[in-house]
Amino acid sequence: MTALERPDPQDLRRRYPHVFDRPAAARLATPLVLVLTLAIFVFGLVDLEFSPSRMLAGLGQLGWIARMMLPPDPGASLPLYLKALGETLSIAVLGTTLAALPISLLAARNVIPSAILRFPVRRLFDTIRGVDQLIWALVWINVVGLGPFAGVLAIAVSDFGALGKLFSEAIEAADRKQVEGIRAAGGSALHEVRFGLIPQVLPVIAGQVLYFIESNTRSATIIGIVGAGGIGLQLAEQIRVLEWQKVSFLILMILVAVAAIDWISGKLRFAIIGRRAIA
């Protein structure tokens, strides 16, 4: 066939039947998803009583709250707020560290070839991820009582499922050539994991852990509102008594802490993976 000749449609149909003769389910999938999404959107507007007029009427109240927040002022409670912020950071770091356990190796296909052994680990991750972090906080508050210890357990359990899934997928995506090289050199299965898989996935895992620490700083604030300690508890108390200047100061403290963690995590990530020159 020369460059000027046009391909025969019938010949293309015979050579690539999976492209031209798609099953009915595949052809209808996209329209059905669009129709279902539109139906859920319309149902949500009606069932949730979405009202632009109510939203516009509330803008005045929002403006009043914003004016009452200025200027941010901690009053005489600055030492208490700093201690609470330290608790929040400790909850985030300790909870994420406890969640980053090596059990994700048991869910990776290239580490545990047997589906029978991988299945319960994967379903455990799915089950834990199916429960929101705030629900875990309420559960642990009733188990161990109020305080930051319940917050640590809530973050650790919640992130255990998420990090387990992410770590196992990163391990499965690792290049097999390094593992095969170690095996050819006489290395054991433990050596394959230690020197073949871990060095490849360590930068990915480190980046995910650092991101989760930053994210969990915000999450620790939320679960603190329900009694799990930290700065969230102080924030909830000041909102209840309408001390808006203290509320704005606490919000600024959280924003500064998150920005600082983001800067530090960026430095640590580049220290682990190295800086790459942009071509």
Protein backbone atom coordinates (compact mmCIF):
# COMPACT_ATOMS: atom_id res chain seq x y z
CA MET A 1 0.00 0.00 0.00
CA THR A 2 1.46 3.35 -1.07
CA ALA A 3 1.22 6.51 0.96
CA LEU A 4 -1.52 7.86 -1.36
CA GLU A 5 -3.74 4.80 -1.15
CA ARG A 6 -6.63 4.85 1.28
CA PRO A 7 -7.12 1.77 3.48
CA ASP A 8 -10.08 -0.46 2.69
CA PRO A 9 -12.71 -0.12 5.48
CA GLN A 10 -13.73 -3.75 5.15
CA ASP A 11 -10.12 -4.86 5.44
CA LEU A 12 -9.69 -2.75 8.57
CA ARG A 13 -12.89 -4.22 10.01
CA ARG A 14 -11.61 -7.74 9.45
CA ARG A 15 -8.20 -6.96 10.95
CA TYR A 16 -9.49 -5.06 14.00
CA PRO A 17 -12.92 -6.49 14.87
CA HIS A 18 -12.62 -5.41 18.51
CA VAL A 19 -12.58 -1.75 17.39
CA PHE A 20 -15.47 -1.85 14.90
CA ASP A 21 -17.68 -4.51 16.50
CA ARG A 22 -17.88 -3.32 20.07
CA PRO A 23 -20.41 -5.13 22.25
CA ALA A 24 -23.66 -3.38 23.04
CA ALA A 25 -22.73 -3.04 26.72
CA ALA A 26 -19.56 -1.12 25.81
CA ARG A 27 -21.45 1.20 23.44
CA LEU A 28 -24.15 1.94 26.00
CA ALA A 29 -21.83 2.34 29.00
CA THR A 30 -20.94 6.01 28.43
CA PRO A 31 -24.53 7.24 27.73
CA LEU A 32 -25.83 5.31 30.74
CA VAL A 33 -23.18 6.81 33.03
CA LEU A 34 -24.00 10.32 31.77
CA VAL A 35 -27.74 9.81 32.24
CA LEU A 36 -27.24 8.35 35.72
CA THR A 37 -24.95 11.21 36.75
CA LEU A 38 -27.46 13.79 35.51
CA ALA A 39 -30.30 12.01 37.34
CA ILE A 40 -28.35 11.96 40.61
CA PHE A 41 -27.45 15.65 40.17
CA VAL A 42 -31.09 16.66 39.61
CA PHE A 43 -32.25 14.46 42.49
CA GLY A 44 -29.65 16.08 44.74
CA LEU A 45 -30.80 19.57 43.84
CA VAL A 46 -34.39 18.67 44.74
CA ASP A 47 -33.84 16.38 47.73
CA LEU A 48 -31.19 18.52 49.41
CA GLU A 49 -33.34 21.65 49.02
CA PHE A 50 -30.65 23.56 47.15
CA SER A 51 -31.69 27.20 47.31
CA PRO A 52 -29.67 30.05 45.76
CA SER A 53 -31.88 32.56 47.60
CA ARG A 54 -30.96 31.07 50.98
CA MET A 55 -27.30 31.12 50.01
CA LEU A 56 -27.47 34.79 48.98
CA ALA A 57 -29.33 35.65 52.19
CA GLY A 58 -26.55 34.03 54.21
CA LEU A 59 -23.81 36.09 52.59
CA GLY A 60 -24.63 38.96 54.93
CA GLN A 61 -24.11 36.74 57.96
CA LEU A 62 -20.86 35.47 56.45
CA GLY A 63 -19.67 39.03 55.95
CA TRP A 64 -20.49 39.87 59.57
CA ILE A 65 -18.49 36.87 60.81
CA ALA A 66 -15.54 37.89 58.59
CA ARG A 67 -15.58 41.41 60.06
CA MET A 68 -15.71 40.03 63.61
CA MET A 69 -12.61 37.93 62.90
CA LEU A 70 -10.45 40.99 62.33
CA PRO A 71 -7.92 41.50 63.70
CA PRO A 72 -6.85 37.98 64.78
CA ASP A 73 -6.13 38.04 68.50
CA PRO A 74 -5.24 35.07 70.74
CA GLY A 75 -5.68 37.12 73.90
CA ALA A 76 -3.97 35.49 76.87
CA SER A 77 -4.40 31.98 75.42
CA LEU A 78 -1.36 31.89 73.12
CA PRO A 79 0.62 29.34 75.23
CA LEU A 80 -2.45 27.09 75.37
CA TYR A 81 -2.93 27.34 71.60
CA LEU A 82 0.74 26.57 70.91
CA LYS A 83 0.50 23.47 73.10
CA ALA A 84 -2.68 22.42 71.27
CA LEU A 85 -0.97 22.92 67.90
CA GLY A 86 1.91 20.76 69.08
CA GLU A 87 -0.60 18.06 70.03
CA THR A 88 -2.16 18.25 66.56
CA LEU A 89 1.22 17.89 64.84
CA SER A 90 2.13 14.99 67.12
CA ILE A 91 -1.18 13.26 66.36
CA ALA A 92 -0.59 13.62 62.61
CA VAL A 93 3.02 12.43 62.65
CA LEU A 94 2.54 9.55 65.08
CA GLY A 95 -0.70 8.37 63.44
CA THR A 96 0.86 8.37 59.96
CA THR A 97 3.99 6.60 61.20
CA LEU A 98 1.97 3.83 62.83
CA ALA A 99 -0.10 3.43 59.65
CA ALA A 100 2.96 3.00 57.41
CA LEU A 101 3.55 -0.62 58.38
CA PRO A 102 5.19 -3.13 55.99
CA ILE A 103 2.05 -5.28 55.88
CA SER A 104 1.41 -3.83 52.40
CA LEU A 105 4.07 -6.27 51.16
CA LEU A 106 1.57 -9.05 51.83
CA ALA A 107 -0.90 -7.45 49.39
CA ALA A 108 1.58 -7.11 46.48
CA ARG A 109 1.27 -9.63 43.68
CA ASN A 110 5.01 -9.78 42.99
CA VAL A 111 5.78 -10.48 46.68
CA ILE A 112 2.91 -12.87 47.52
CA PRO A 113 1.97 -14.71 44.30
CA SER A 114 -0.79 -16.70 46.01
CA ALA A 115 -4.19 -15.02 45.60
CA ILE A 116 -5.47 -16.95 48.62
CA LEU A 117 -2.95 -15.22 50.88
CA ARG A 118 -3.35 -11.79 49.26
CA PHE A 119 -7.15 -11.76 49.31
CA PRO A 120 -7.72 -11.30 53.08
CA VAL A 121 -5.08 -8.56 53.28
CA ARG A 122 -6.60 -6.62 50.39
CA ARG A 123 -10.11 -7.01 51.81
CA LEU A 124 -8.80 -5.79 55.18
CA PHE A 125 -7.52 -2.63 53.49
CA ASP A 126 -10.87 -2.18 51.70
CA THR A 127 -12.82 -2.61 54.94
CA ILE A 128 -10.73 -0.08 56.84
CA ARG A 129 -10.90 2.45 53.98
CA GLY A 130 -14.67 2.08 53.89
CA VAL A 131 -15.02 3.80 57.29
CA ASP A 132 -14.36 7.53 57.40
CA GLN A 133 -11.66 8.93 59.67
CA LEU A 134 -14.18 10.91 61.69
CA ILE A 135 -16.13 7.72 62.42
CA TRP A 136 -12.93 6.03 63.59
CA ALA A 137 -12.33 9.00 65.91
CA LEU A 138 -15.79 8.62 67.45
CA VAL A 139 -15.20 4.87 67.88
CA TRP A 140 -11.82 5.29 69.58
CA ILE A 141 -13.11 8.09 71.81
CA ASN A 142 -15.63 5.62 73.19
CA VAL A 143 -12.92 2.94 73.53
CA VAL A 144 -10.00 4.85 75.09
CA GLY A 145 -11.71 8.08 76.14
CA LEU A 146 -11.29 11.70 75.11
CA GLY A 147 -7.87 13.05 74.25
CA PRO A 148 -5.09 12.94 71.65
CA PHE A 149 -4.52 9.18 72.06
CA ALA A 150 -7.90 8.56 70.42
CA GLY A 151 -6.87 10.90 67.59
CA VAL A 152 -3.64 8.99 67.00
CA LEU A 153 -5.50 5.68 66.81
CA ALA A 154 -8.14 7.15 64.48
CA ILE A 155 -5.55 8.45 62.02
CA ALA A 156 -3.44 5.30 62.26
CA VAL A 157 -6.34 2.95 61.55
CA SER A 158 -7.82 5.12 58.80
CA ASP A 159 -4.52 5.62 56.97
CA PHE A 160 -3.56 1.97 57.42
CA GLY A 161 -6.03 1.01 54.70
CA ALA A 162 -5.13 3.87 52.36
CA LEU A 163 -1.35 3.57 52.69
CA GLY A 164 -1.56 -0.22 52.47
CA LYS A 165 -3.28 0.02 49.10
CA LEU A 166 -0.93 2.73 47.78
CA PHE A 167 2.21 0.94 48.96
CA SER A 168 1.14 -2.43 47.51
CA GLU A 169 0.38 -0.83 44.14
CA ALA A 170 3.77 0.90 44.13
CA ILE A 171 5.47 -2.41 44.92
CA GLU A 172 3.58 -4.18 42.13
CA ALA A 173 4.67 -1.48 39.65
CA ALA A 174 8.37 -1.99 40.46
CA ASP A 175 10.71 -3.20 37.72
CA ARG A 176 11.28 -6.95 37.85
CA LYS A 177 14.75 -6.78 36.27
CA GLN A 178 16.46 -5.81 39.52
CA VAL A 179 14.70 -8.61 41.38
CA GLU A 180 15.66 -11.13 38.71
CA GLY A 181 19.26 -9.95 38.85
CA ILE A 182 19.45 -10.53 42.59
CA ARG A 183 17.84 -13.96 42.17
CA ALA A 184 20.35 -14.86 39.45
CA ALA A 185 23.18 -13.86 41.80
CA GLY A 186 21.90 -16.36 44.36
CA GLY A 187 19.93 -14.02 46.59
CA SER A 188 17.06 -15.28 48.72
CA ALA A 189 13.46 -14.04 48.60
CA LEU A 190 14.22 -11.66 51.47
CA HIS A 191 17.19 -10.27 49.53
CA GLU A 192 14.93 -9.74 46.50
CA VAL A 193 12.58 -7.63 48.58
CA ARG A 194 15.29 -5.80 50.51
CA PHE A 195 17.65 -4.99 47.63
CA GLY A 196 15.42 -5.34 44.57
CA LEU A 197 12.03 -3.88 45.50
CA ILE A 198 12.52 -1.54 48.46
CA PRO A 199 15.13 0.76 46.81
CA GLN A 200 12.78 1.23 43.84
CA VAL A 201 9.63 2.06 45.79
CA LEU A 202 11.24 3.96 48.68
CA PRO A 203 11.03 7.39 46.98
CA VAL A 204 7.35 6.80 46.14
CA ILE A 205 6.54 5.57 49.64
CA ALA A 206 8.45 8.45 51.24
CA GLY A 207 6.57 10.98 49.12
CA GLN A 208 3.22 9.43 50.03
CA VAL A 209 4.04 9.35 53.75
CA LEU A 210 5.12 13.00 53.71
CA TYR A 211 1.93 13.99 51.91
CA PHE A 212 -0.20 12.06 54.40
CA ILE A 213 1.54 13.82 57.30
CA GLU A 214 0.59 17.16 55.76
CA SER A 215 -2.97 15.98 55.08
CA ASN A 216 -3.35 14.46 58.53
CA THR A 217 -2.46 17.78 60.13
CA ARG A 218 -5.73 19.09 58.72
CA SER A 219 -7.53 15.85 59.60
CA ALA A 220 -6.26 16.00 63.18
CA THR A 221 -7.87 19.42 63.44
CA ILE A 222 -11.24 18.01 62.35
CA ILE A 223 -11.19 14.99 64.64
CA GLY A 224 -10.07 17.28 67.47
CA ILE A 225 -13.45 19.01 67.20
CA VAL A 226 -15.22 15.80 68.26
CA GLY A 227 -12.98 15.42 71.32
CA ALA A 228 -9.77 13.82 70.05
CA GLY A 229 -7.57 16.61 71.38
CA GLY A 230 -5.33 19.08 69.61
CA ILE A 231 -6.08 22.50 68.22
CA GLY A 232 -9.43 21.36 66.80
CA LEU A 233 -10.83 21.15 70.31
CA GLN A 234 -9.77 24.73 71.01
CA LEU A 235 -11.23 25.83 67.67
CA ALA A 236 -14.59 24.23 68.42
CA GLU A 237 -14.74 25.83 71.88
CA GLN A 238 -14.02 29.31 70.53
CA ILE A 239 -16.64 28.94 67.80
CA ARG A 240 -19.22 27.90 70.41
CA VAL A 241 -18.60 31.03 72.48
CA LEU A 242 -18.43 33.26 69.34
CA GLU A 243 -14.84 34.43 69.99
CA TRP A 244 -14.24 35.11 66.31
CA GLN A 245 -10.91 36.91 66.73
CA LYS A 246 -9.50 33.86 68.49
CA VAL A 247 -11.05 31.63 65.82
CA SER A 248 -9.27 33.55 63.06
CA PHE A 249 -5.98 33.35 64.98
CA LEU A 250 -6.36 29.57 65.34
CA ILE A 251 -7.11 29.25 61.62
CA LEU A 252 -3.98 31.27 60.82
CA MET A 253 -1.94 28.98 63.09
CA ILE A 254 -3.23 25.93 61.21
CA LEU A 255 -2.46 27.51 57.82
CA VAL A 256 1.06 28.43 58.87
CA ALA A 257 1.66 24.92 60.26
CA VAL A 258 0.43 23.26 57.05
CA ALA A 259 2.60 25.59 54.92
CA ALA A 260 5.64 24.85 57.07
CA ILE A 261 5.05 21.10 56.84
CA ASP A 262 4.68 21.38 53.07
CA TRP A 263 8.02 23.22 52.84
CA ILE A 264 9.79 20.73 55.11
CA SER A 265 8.31 17.72 53.29
CA GLY A 266 9.49 19.15 49.97
CA LYS A 267 13.04 19.46 51.31
CA LEU A 268 12.93 15.91 52.69
CA ARG A 269 11.52 14.51 49.46
CA PHE A 270 14.28 16.09 47.39
CA ALA A 271 16.85 14.84 49.93
CA ILE A 272 15.55 11.29 49.39
CA ILE A 273 15.04 11.22 45.63
CA GLY A 274 17.50 13.97 44.65
CA ARG A 275 16.87 16.95 42.42
CA ARG A 276 16.51 16.25 38.73
CA ALA A 277 17.56 18.79 36.16
CA ILE A 278 14.72 20.04 33.96
CA ALA A 279 15.56 19.55 30.29
